[in-house]
Amino acid sequence: MGFLQKLFHIDCAEANNCCDKAQYRNANFFDKCRLMLHLAYCKACRKYTSKNKKLTKLMENSRIERCTEAQKKQWKDAIQKEYAKENP
């Protein structure tokens, strides 16, 4: 394997990691290039990338609102209180 092949070759796990980073806009130019080269010959990773893009688009277009840390704490406290009642 030549120098450039070694430099740009990635396995599927690394390609999936690059795909995830790209979806969240955390991938650098080199990662994106390596991913694109991998996708040129790997059908499984093209499928993973396609599904990942669809999921990201669905989440961006959803009307889901994040709960605040105060709400999370309130729910956690309520759950712990109920659990304590049932499991003395």
N, C-alpha and C. Protein backbone atom coordinates (compact mmCIF):
# COMPACT_ATOMS: atom_id res chain seq x y z
N MET A 1 0.85 -1.18 0.00
CA MET A 1 0.00 0.00 0.00
C MET A 1 0.89 1.23 0.00
N GLY A 2 0.63 2.15 -0.92
CA GLY A 2 1.43 3.35 -1.04
C GLY A 2 1.16 4.33 0.08
N PHE A 3 2.01 5.35 0.15
CA PHE A 3 1.90 6.36 1.21
C PHE A 3 0.54 7.05 1.22
N LEU A 4 0.08 7.47 0.04
CA LEU A 4 -1.21 8.16 -0.03
C LEU A 4 -2.35 7.23 0.32
N GLN A 5 -2.26 5.98 -0.10
CA GLN A 5 -3.31 5.02 0.26
C GLN A 5 -3.37 4.83 1.77
N LYS A 6 -2.20 4.71 2.40
CA LYS A 6 -2.17 4.56 3.86
C LYS A 6 -2.71 5.81 4.54
N LEU A 7 -2.39 6.96 3.99
CA LEU A 7 -2.82 8.23 4.57
C LEU A 7 -4.33 8.39 4.49
N PHE A 8 -4.92 7.98 3.37
CA PHE A 8 -6.35 8.21 3.17
C PHE A 8 -7.24 7.00 3.46
N HIS A 9 -6.66 5.82 3.63
CA HIS A 9 -7.47 4.63 3.84
C HIS A 9 -8.00 4.59 5.28
N ILE A 10 -9.29 4.34 5.42
CA ILE A 10 -9.90 4.17 6.74
C ILE A 10 -10.80 2.95 6.70
N ASP A 11 -10.99 2.33 7.86
CA ASP A 11 -11.90 1.20 7.92
C ASP A 11 -13.33 1.70 8.15
N CYS A 12 -14.28 0.79 8.17
CA CYS A 12 -15.69 1.18 8.29
C CYS A 12 -16.00 1.87 9.62
N ALA A 13 -15.40 1.42 10.69
CA ALA A 13 -15.65 2.05 12.00
C ALA A 13 -15.20 3.50 11.99
N GLU A 14 -14.03 3.74 11.42
CA GLU A 14 -13.52 5.11 11.34
C GLU A 14 -14.36 5.95 10.36
N ALA A 15 -14.84 5.33 9.30
CA ALA A 15 -15.69 6.03 8.34
C ALA A 15 -17.00 6.45 9.02
N ASN A 16 -17.58 5.54 9.81
CA ASN A 16 -18.81 5.88 10.53
C ASN A 16 -18.57 7.00 11.53
N ASN A 17 -17.42 6.99 12.17
CA ASN A 17 -17.07 8.06 13.10
C ASN A 17 -16.95 9.40 12.35
N CYS A 18 -16.30 9.37 11.20
CA CYS A 18 -16.18 10.59 10.38
C CYS A 18 -17.55 11.07 9.93
N CYS A 19 -18.42 10.13 9.58
CA CYS A 19 -19.77 10.48 9.16
C CYS A 19 -20.51 11.18 10.30
N ASP A 20 -20.42 10.62 11.50
CA ASP A 20 -21.07 11.23 12.66
C ASP A 20 -20.54 12.63 12.92
N LYS A 21 -19.21 12.77 12.85
CA LYS A 21 -18.61 14.09 13.07
C LYS A 21 -19.08 15.08 12.00
N ALA A 22 -19.19 14.62 10.76
CA ALA A 22 -19.63 15.49 9.67
C ALA A 22 -21.08 15.92 9.89
N GLN A 23 -21.92 15.02 10.37
CA GLN A 23 -23.32 15.36 10.62
C GLN A 23 -23.45 16.47 11.65
N TYR A 24 -22.55 16.48 12.63
CA TYR A 24 -22.60 17.50 13.68
C TYR A 24 -21.64 18.65 13.40
N ARG A 25 -21.15 18.69 12.17
CA ARG A 25 -20.25 19.76 11.71
C ARG A 25 -18.96 19.86 12.54
N ASN A 26 -18.46 18.67 12.95
CA ASN A 26 -17.21 18.63 13.72
C ASN A 26 -16.07 17.99 12.92
N ALA A 27 -16.33 17.61 11.70
CA ALA A 27 -15.30 16.96 10.88
C ALA A 27 -14.46 18.02 10.17
N ASN A 28 -13.16 17.78 10.13
CA ASN A 28 -12.30 18.70 9.39
C ASN A 28 -12.24 18.27 7.92
N PHE A 29 -11.58 19.06 7.12
CA PHE A 29 -11.51 18.81 5.67
C PHE A 29 -10.89 17.45 5.38
N PHE A 30 -9.84 17.08 6.09
CA PHE A 30 -9.14 15.81 5.89
C PHE A 30 -10.09 14.65 6.18
N ASP A 31 -10.84 14.72 7.29
CA ASP A 31 -11.81 13.68 7.63
C ASP A 31 -12.86 13.53 6.53
N LYS A 32 -13.35 14.66 6.03
CA LYS A 32 -14.37 14.62 4.98
C LYS A 32 -13.83 13.98 3.71
N CYS A 33 -12.60 14.29 3.36
CA CYS A 33 -11.98 13.69 2.17
C CYS A 33 -11.84 12.18 2.33
N ARG A 34 -11.36 11.76 3.48
CA ARG A 34 -11.19 10.33 3.75
C ARG A 34 -12.54 9.62 3.70
N LEU A 35 -13.57 10.25 4.26
CA LEU A 35 -14.90 9.66 4.24
C LEU A 35 -15.40 9.52 2.81
N MET A 36 -15.26 10.56 2.02
CA MET A 36 -15.74 10.52 0.64
C MET A 36 -15.04 9.42 -0.16
N LEU A 37 -13.74 9.26 0.04
CA LEU A 37 -13.02 8.19 -0.66
C LEU A 37 -13.53 6.82 -0.21
N HIS A 38 -13.77 6.66 1.07
CA HIS A 38 -14.27 5.39 1.59
C HIS A 38 -15.66 5.10 1.04
N LEU A 39 -16.50 6.12 0.99
CA LEU A 39 -17.86 5.92 0.50
C LEU A 39 -17.89 5.54 -0.98
N ALA A 40 -16.84 5.89 -1.70
CA ALA A 40 -16.77 5.57 -3.13
C ALA A 40 -16.77 4.06 -3.37
N TYR A 41 -16.27 3.28 -2.41
CA TYR A 41 -16.20 1.84 -2.61
C TYR A 41 -16.93 1.02 -1.56
N CYS A 42 -17.52 1.63 -0.55
CA CYS A 42 -18.15 0.86 0.52
C CYS A 42 -19.67 1.10 0.56
N LYS A 43 -20.41 0.12 0.10
CA LYS A 43 -21.87 0.22 0.04
C LYS A 43 -22.48 0.30 1.44
N ALA A 44 -21.96 -0.46 2.38
CA ALA A 44 -22.51 -0.47 3.74
C ALA A 44 -22.39 0.91 4.39
N CYS A 45 -21.27 1.57 4.21
CA CYS A 45 -21.07 2.89 4.81
C CYS A 45 -21.89 3.96 4.09
N ARG A 46 -22.12 3.78 2.78
CA ARG A 46 -23.01 4.70 2.07
C ARG A 46 -24.42 4.60 2.64
N LYS A 47 -24.85 3.38 2.94
CA LYS A 47 -26.17 3.17 3.53
C LYS A 47 -26.24 3.80 4.92
N TYR A 48 -25.20 3.59 5.74
CA TYR A 48 -25.14 4.19 7.08
C TYR A 48 -25.21 5.72 6.98
N THR A 49 -24.45 6.28 6.07
CA THR A 49 -24.41 7.74 5.89
C THR A 49 -25.78 8.26 5.47
N SER A 50 -26.43 7.55 4.56
CA SER A 50 -27.75 7.97 4.10
C SER A 50 -28.76 7.97 5.25
N LYS A 51 -28.77 6.90 6.03
CA LYS A 51 -29.69 6.82 7.17
C LYS A 51 -29.37 7.89 8.21
N ASN A 52 -28.10 8.14 8.42
CA ASN A 52 -27.68 9.16 9.39
C ASN A 52 -28.17 10.54 8.96
N LYS A 53 -28.06 10.84 7.67
CA LYS A 53 -28.52 12.12 7.16
C LYS A 53 -30.04 12.27 7.32
N LYS A 54 -30.78 11.19 7.04
CA LYS A 54 -32.23 11.23 7.19
C LYS A 54 -32.62 11.48 8.64
N LEU A 55 -31.94 10.79 9.56
CA LEU A 55 -32.24 10.96 10.99
C LEU A 55 -31.95 12.38 11.43
N THR A 56 -30.82 12.92 11.02
CA THR A 56 -30.45 14.30 11.38
C THR A 56 -31.49 15.28 10.85
N LYS A 57 -31.93 15.08 9.61
CA LYS A 57 -32.92 15.98 9.02
C LYS A 57 -34.25 15.90 9.76
N LEU A 58 -34.66 14.68 10.12
CA LEU A 58 -35.90 14.52 10.88
C LEU A 58 -35.83 15.23 12.23
N MET A 59 -34.70 15.11 12.90
CA MET A 59 -34.54 15.75 14.21
C MET A 59 -34.53 17.27 14.08
N GLU A 60 -33.88 17.78 13.04
CA GLU A 60 -33.83 19.23 12.84
C GLU A 60 -35.20 19.79 12.51
N ASN A 61 -36.03 19.02 11.81
CA ASN A 61 -37.35 19.49 11.40
C ASN A 61 -38.44 19.19 12.42
N SER A 62 -38.10 18.48 13.47
CA SER A 62 -39.10 18.14 14.49
C SER A 62 -39.38 19.36 15.38
N ARG A 63 -40.45 19.25 16.11
CA ARG A 63 -40.82 20.32 17.02
C ARG A 63 -40.47 19.96 18.46
N ILE A 64 -39.52 19.10 18.62
CA ILE A 64 -39.11 18.65 19.94
C ILE A 64 -38.39 19.78 20.67
N GLU A 65 -38.81 20.02 21.89
CA GLU A 65 -38.16 21.04 22.70
C GLU A 65 -37.38 20.34 23.81
N ARG A 66 -36.23 20.84 24.08
CA ARG A 66 -35.41 20.28 25.15
C ARG A 66 -35.92 20.77 26.49
N CYS A 67 -35.84 19.90 27.48
CA CYS A 67 -36.25 20.33 28.81
C CYS A 67 -35.05 20.96 29.52
N THR A 68 -35.36 21.81 30.46
CA THR A 68 -34.31 22.52 31.19
C THR A 68 -33.71 21.59 32.24
N GLU A 69 -32.56 21.97 32.74
CA GLU A 69 -31.92 21.20 33.81
C GLU A 69 -32.80 21.17 35.06
N ALA A 70 -33.51 22.27 35.32
CA ALA A 70 -34.41 22.32 36.48
C ALA A 70 -35.54 21.30 36.33
N GLN A 71 -36.10 21.17 35.09
CA GLN A 71 -37.14 20.18 34.85
C GLN A 71 -36.61 18.77 35.04
N LYS A 72 -35.42 18.51 34.54
CA LYS A 72 -34.80 17.19 34.69
C LYS A 72 -34.64 16.84 36.16
N LYS A 73 -34.15 17.80 36.94
CA LYS A 73 -33.95 17.56 38.37
C LYS A 73 -35.28 17.30 39.06
N GLN A 74 -36.30 18.06 38.70
CA GLN A 74 -37.63 17.89 39.31
C GLN A 74 -38.17 16.49 39.01
N TRP A 75 -38.04 16.03 37.77
CA TRP A 75 -38.51 14.69 37.40
C TRP A 75 -37.71 13.61 38.12
N LYS A 76 -36.41 13.80 38.18
CA LYS A 76 -35.56 12.82 38.85
C LYS A 76 -35.93 12.71 40.32
N ASP A 77 -36.15 13.84 40.97
CA ASP A 77 -36.54 13.83 42.39
C ASP A 77 -37.88 13.14 42.58
N ALA A 78 -38.84 13.41 41.69
CA ALA A 78 -40.16 12.78 41.79
C ALA A 78 -40.06 11.26 41.61
N ILE A 79 -39.26 10.83 40.67
CA ILE A 79 -39.08 9.39 40.43
C ILE A 79 -38.43 8.73 41.63
N GLN A 80 -37.41 9.37 42.17
CA GLN A 80 -36.73 8.81 43.35
C GLN A 80 -37.68 8.73 44.54
N LYS A 81 -38.53 9.73 44.70
CA LYS A 81 -39.48 9.75 45.80
C LYS A 81 -40.48 8.59 45.65
N GLU A 82 -41.00 8.38 44.43
CA GLU A 82 -41.94 7.29 44.19
C GLU A 82 -41.26 5.93 44.39
N TYR A 83 -40.03 5.83 43.93
CA TYR A 83 -39.29 4.58 44.09
C TYR A 83 -39.08 4.27 45.57
N ALA A 84 -38.74 5.29 46.34
CA ALA A 84 -38.52 5.10 47.77
C ALA A 84 -39.80 4.63 48.47
N LYS A 85 -40.97 5.12 48.04
CA LYS A 85 -42.24 4.68 48.62
C LYS A 85 -42.49 3.19 48.37
N GLU A 86 -42.19 2.78 47.15
CA GLU A 86 -42.46 1.39 46.75
C GLU A 86 -41.41 0.41 47.23
N ASN A 87 -40.22 0.89 47.54
CA ASN A 87 -39.10 0.03 47.96
C ASN A 87 -38.49 0.53 49.25
N PRO A 88 -39.21 0.37 50.37
CA PRO A 88 -38.70 0.92 51.64
C PRO A 88 -37.47 0.17 52.15
